[in-house]
N, C-alpha and C. Protein backbone atom coordinates (compact mmCIF):
# COMPACT_ATOMS: atom_id res chain seq x y z
N MET A 1 -36.79 -141.56 -160.05
CA MET A 1 -35.45 -141.53 -160.57
C MET A 1 -34.47 -141.02 -159.52
N LYS A 2 -34.81 -139.89 -158.89
CA LYS A 2 -33.93 -139.36 -157.84
C LYS A 2 -33.78 -140.36 -156.70
N LYS A 3 -34.90 -140.99 -156.35
CA LYS A 3 -34.87 -141.93 -155.24
C LYS A 3 -33.91 -143.07 -155.54
N ASP A 4 -33.98 -143.62 -156.73
CA ASP A 4 -33.08 -144.72 -157.11
C ASP A 4 -31.62 -144.30 -157.05
N ARG A 5 -31.34 -143.10 -157.52
CA ARG A 5 -29.98 -142.60 -157.51
C ARG A 5 -29.46 -142.40 -156.08
N ILE A 6 -30.31 -141.87 -155.22
CA ILE A 6 -29.92 -141.66 -153.82
C ILE A 6 -29.69 -143.00 -153.13
N ILE A 7 -30.57 -143.96 -153.37
CA ILE A 7 -30.41 -145.30 -152.77
C ILE A 7 -29.11 -145.92 -153.24
N GLN A 8 -28.80 -145.76 -154.51
CA GLN A 8 -27.54 -146.29 -155.04
C GLN A 8 -26.34 -145.64 -154.35
N GLN A 9 -26.39 -144.33 -154.15
CA GLN A 9 -25.30 -143.63 -153.46
C GLN A 9 -25.16 -144.12 -152.02
N LEU A 10 -26.29 -144.30 -151.35
CA LEU A 10 -26.24 -144.79 -149.97
C LEU A 10 -25.59 -146.17 -149.91
N ARG A 11 -25.97 -147.03 -150.80
CA ARG A 11 -25.40 -148.38 -150.83
C ARG A 11 -23.91 -148.34 -151.14
N GLN A 12 -23.50 -147.44 -152.03
CA GLN A 12 -22.08 -147.31 -152.35
C GLN A 12 -21.27 -146.85 -151.13
N HIS A 13 -21.93 -146.14 -150.23
CA HIS A 13 -21.27 -145.68 -149.00
C HIS A 13 -21.47 -146.65 -147.84
N GLY A 14 -22.00 -147.83 -148.14
CA GLY A 14 -22.11 -148.88 -147.14
C GLY A 14 -23.37 -148.89 -146.29
N PHE A 15 -24.37 -148.13 -146.69
CA PHE A 15 -25.62 -148.09 -145.93
C PHE A 15 -26.64 -149.01 -146.59
N ARG A 16 -27.40 -149.73 -145.76
CA ARG A 16 -28.47 -150.53 -146.31
C ARG A 16 -29.78 -149.76 -146.14
N MET A 17 -30.70 -150.03 -147.02
CA MET A 17 -31.97 -149.31 -147.00
C MET A 17 -32.98 -150.09 -146.18
N THR A 18 -33.19 -149.62 -144.97
CA THR A 18 -34.19 -150.21 -144.09
C THR A 18 -35.55 -149.58 -144.39
N LYS A 19 -36.59 -150.16 -143.83
CA LYS A 19 -37.94 -149.61 -144.00
C LYS A 19 -37.99 -148.17 -143.48
N GLN A 20 -37.37 -147.93 -142.33
CA GLN A 20 -37.41 -146.60 -141.73
C GLN A 20 -36.64 -145.58 -142.58
N ARG A 21 -35.49 -145.96 -143.09
CA ARG A 21 -34.74 -145.05 -143.95
C ARG A 21 -35.51 -144.74 -145.22
N THR A 22 -36.19 -145.74 -145.76
CA THR A 22 -36.99 -145.53 -146.96
C THR A 22 -38.13 -144.55 -146.69
N ILE A 23 -38.79 -144.68 -145.55
CA ILE A 23 -39.87 -143.76 -145.18
C ILE A 23 -39.34 -142.33 -145.10
N ILE A 24 -38.22 -142.15 -144.43
CA ILE A 24 -37.64 -140.82 -144.28
C ILE A 24 -37.27 -140.24 -145.65
N LEU A 25 -36.64 -141.05 -146.49
CA LEU A 25 -36.27 -140.59 -147.82
C LEU A 25 -37.50 -140.18 -148.62
N ASP A 26 -38.55 -140.98 -148.55
CA ASP A 26 -39.79 -140.65 -149.26
C ASP A 26 -40.37 -139.32 -148.80
N ILE A 27 -40.32 -139.06 -147.51
CA ILE A 27 -40.83 -137.79 -146.98
C ILE A 27 -40.00 -136.62 -147.50
N VAL A 28 -38.70 -136.78 -147.48
CA VAL A 28 -37.81 -135.72 -147.97
C VAL A 28 -38.07 -135.46 -149.45
N LEU A 29 -38.29 -136.51 -150.22
CA LEU A 29 -38.53 -136.36 -151.65
C LEU A 29 -39.90 -135.75 -151.95
N GLN A 30 -40.88 -135.99 -151.09
CA GLN A 30 -42.24 -135.51 -151.33
C GLN A 30 -42.44 -134.05 -150.95
N GLU A 31 -41.78 -133.60 -149.91
CA GLU A 31 -42.09 -132.29 -149.35
C GLU A 31 -40.85 -131.46 -149.14
N GLN A 32 -41.04 -130.17 -149.06
CA GLN A 32 -39.95 -129.26 -148.70
C GLN A 32 -40.08 -128.99 -147.20
N CYS A 33 -39.43 -129.80 -146.43
CA CYS A 33 -39.51 -129.68 -144.97
C CYS A 33 -38.49 -128.65 -144.49
N THR A 34 -38.87 -127.93 -143.47
CA THR A 34 -37.99 -126.88 -142.97
C THR A 34 -37.17 -127.31 -141.77
N CYS A 35 -37.52 -128.44 -141.14
CA CYS A 35 -36.73 -128.88 -140.00
C CYS A 35 -36.88 -130.39 -139.79
N CYS A 36 -35.98 -130.94 -138.99
CA CYS A 36 -36.00 -132.37 -138.69
C CYS A 36 -37.30 -132.79 -138.00
N LYS A 37 -37.82 -131.92 -137.16
CA LYS A 37 -39.04 -132.26 -136.43
C LYS A 37 -40.21 -132.48 -137.37
N GLU A 38 -40.31 -131.67 -138.42
CA GLU A 38 -41.39 -131.86 -139.39
C GLU A 38 -41.28 -133.23 -140.04
N ILE A 39 -40.07 -133.60 -140.42
CA ILE A 39 -39.84 -134.90 -141.04
C ILE A 39 -40.17 -136.00 -140.05
N TYR A 40 -39.75 -135.82 -138.82
CA TYR A 40 -40.02 -136.80 -137.76
C TYR A 40 -41.52 -137.00 -137.57
N TYR A 41 -42.27 -135.91 -137.48
CA TYR A 41 -43.71 -136.02 -137.26
C TYR A 41 -44.41 -136.70 -138.44
N GLU A 42 -43.95 -136.45 -139.64
CA GLU A 42 -44.51 -137.14 -140.81
C GLU A 42 -44.14 -138.62 -140.77
N ALA A 43 -42.92 -138.93 -140.37
CA ALA A 43 -42.43 -140.31 -140.35
C ALA A 43 -43.19 -141.16 -139.33
N ILE A 44 -43.46 -140.60 -138.14
CA ILE A 44 -44.14 -141.41 -137.13
C ILE A 44 -45.60 -141.67 -137.48
N LYS A 45 -46.14 -140.89 -138.41
CA LYS A 45 -47.49 -141.20 -138.91
C LYS A 45 -47.49 -142.52 -139.67
N GLN A 46 -46.36 -142.82 -140.31
CA GLN A 46 -46.25 -144.04 -141.10
C GLN A 46 -45.69 -145.21 -140.31
N ASP A 47 -44.81 -144.91 -139.34
CA ASP A 47 -44.20 -145.96 -138.52
C ASP A 47 -43.89 -145.36 -137.15
N ALA A 48 -44.70 -145.70 -136.18
CA ALA A 48 -44.55 -145.13 -134.83
C ALA A 48 -43.23 -145.51 -134.17
N GLY A 49 -42.53 -146.50 -134.72
CA GLY A 49 -41.27 -146.94 -134.14
C GLY A 49 -40.07 -146.13 -134.55
N ILE A 50 -40.25 -145.17 -135.46
CA ILE A 50 -39.12 -144.33 -135.89
C ILE A 50 -38.82 -143.33 -134.80
N GLY A 51 -37.56 -143.29 -134.40
CA GLY A 51 -37.14 -142.34 -133.38
C GLY A 51 -36.57 -141.08 -134.01
N ALA A 52 -36.57 -140.01 -133.24
CA ALA A 52 -36.02 -138.74 -133.72
C ALA A 52 -34.55 -138.89 -134.10
N ALA A 53 -33.82 -139.71 -133.33
CA ALA A 53 -32.40 -139.92 -133.63
C ALA A 53 -32.21 -140.57 -134.99
N THR A 54 -33.11 -141.46 -135.36
CA THR A 54 -33.04 -142.11 -136.67
C THR A 54 -33.20 -141.08 -137.78
N VAL A 55 -34.12 -140.15 -137.59
CA VAL A 55 -34.34 -139.10 -138.58
C VAL A 55 -33.09 -138.22 -138.68
N TYR A 56 -32.55 -137.79 -137.54
CA TYR A 56 -31.36 -136.93 -137.55
C TYR A 56 -30.18 -137.64 -138.21
N ARG A 57 -29.99 -138.92 -137.89
CA ARG A 57 -28.87 -139.67 -138.50
C ARG A 57 -29.04 -139.80 -140.00
N MET A 58 -30.25 -140.14 -140.44
CA MET A 58 -30.49 -140.31 -141.87
C MET A 58 -30.29 -139.00 -142.62
N LEU A 59 -30.76 -137.91 -142.07
CA LEU A 59 -30.58 -136.62 -142.72
C LEU A 59 -29.10 -136.24 -142.78
N GLY A 60 -28.37 -136.58 -141.73
CA GLY A 60 -26.93 -136.34 -141.73
C GLY A 60 -26.23 -137.13 -142.82
N VAL A 61 -26.62 -138.37 -142.98
CA VAL A 61 -26.05 -139.23 -144.03
C VAL A 61 -26.40 -138.67 -145.41
N LEU A 62 -27.65 -138.28 -145.61
CA LEU A 62 -28.06 -137.73 -146.90
C LEU A 62 -27.28 -136.45 -147.23
N GLU A 63 -27.04 -135.65 -146.22
CA GLU A 63 -26.25 -134.44 -146.44
C GLU A 63 -24.79 -134.79 -146.73
N GLU A 64 -24.27 -135.76 -146.02
CA GLU A 64 -22.88 -136.19 -146.20
C GLU A 64 -22.62 -136.69 -147.62
N ILE A 65 -23.55 -137.42 -148.20
CA ILE A 65 -23.34 -137.94 -149.55
C ILE A 65 -23.73 -136.92 -150.63
N GLY A 66 -24.20 -135.75 -150.21
CA GLY A 66 -24.53 -134.69 -151.16
C GLY A 66 -25.92 -134.78 -151.76
N ALA A 67 -26.79 -135.59 -151.17
CA ALA A 67 -28.13 -135.77 -151.71
C ALA A 67 -29.08 -134.65 -151.30
N ILE A 68 -28.84 -134.04 -150.14
CA ILE A 68 -29.69 -132.93 -149.69
C ILE A 68 -28.84 -131.77 -149.24
N ASN A 69 -29.51 -130.64 -149.12
CA ASN A 69 -28.87 -129.42 -148.64
C ASN A 69 -29.71 -128.92 -147.47
N ARG A 70 -29.07 -128.76 -146.32
CA ARG A 70 -29.81 -128.36 -145.11
C ARG A 70 -29.68 -126.88 -144.78
N LYS A 71 -29.15 -126.07 -145.67
CA LYS A 71 -28.91 -124.67 -145.32
C LYS A 71 -30.17 -123.92 -144.94
N THR A 72 -31.20 -124.02 -145.76
CA THR A 72 -32.44 -123.31 -145.43
C THR A 72 -33.61 -124.26 -145.27
N VAL A 73 -33.77 -125.17 -146.20
CA VAL A 73 -34.80 -126.19 -146.10
C VAL A 73 -34.21 -127.49 -146.60
N TYR A 74 -34.84 -128.59 -146.26
CA TYR A 74 -34.38 -129.89 -146.72
C TYR A 74 -34.90 -130.09 -148.13
N ARG A 75 -34.02 -129.98 -149.09
CA ARG A 75 -34.44 -130.23 -150.46
C ARG A 75 -33.42 -131.13 -151.14
N VAL A 76 -33.90 -131.90 -152.07
CA VAL A 76 -33.05 -132.86 -152.76
C VAL A 76 -32.11 -132.13 -153.69
N GLU A 77 -30.84 -132.47 -153.62
CA GLU A 77 -29.83 -131.87 -154.46
C GLU A 77 -29.33 -132.83 -155.52
N CYS A 78 -29.61 -134.10 -155.37
CA CYS A 78 -29.14 -135.13 -156.29
C CYS A 78 -29.86 -134.97 -157.62
N LYS A 79 -29.11 -134.93 -158.72
CA LYS A 79 -29.76 -134.75 -160.03
C LYS A 79 -29.68 -135.98 -160.87
């Protein structure tokens, strides 16, 4: 449910959901990651082509639309 809502928000802001963005979103939804590097290391296990910059950009977008909060850990804020 949260995932669908976040994807809808991303699309409303003009972002398309690529395979790499979907992988990153799934990781954020599954775990309470404490830093971008943790998310990056989990992401490259699923797709070695994901770059660190892709992870940082996606997390920035998720924070910008209010879906996550990066103050202490990456956790989903979308209800």
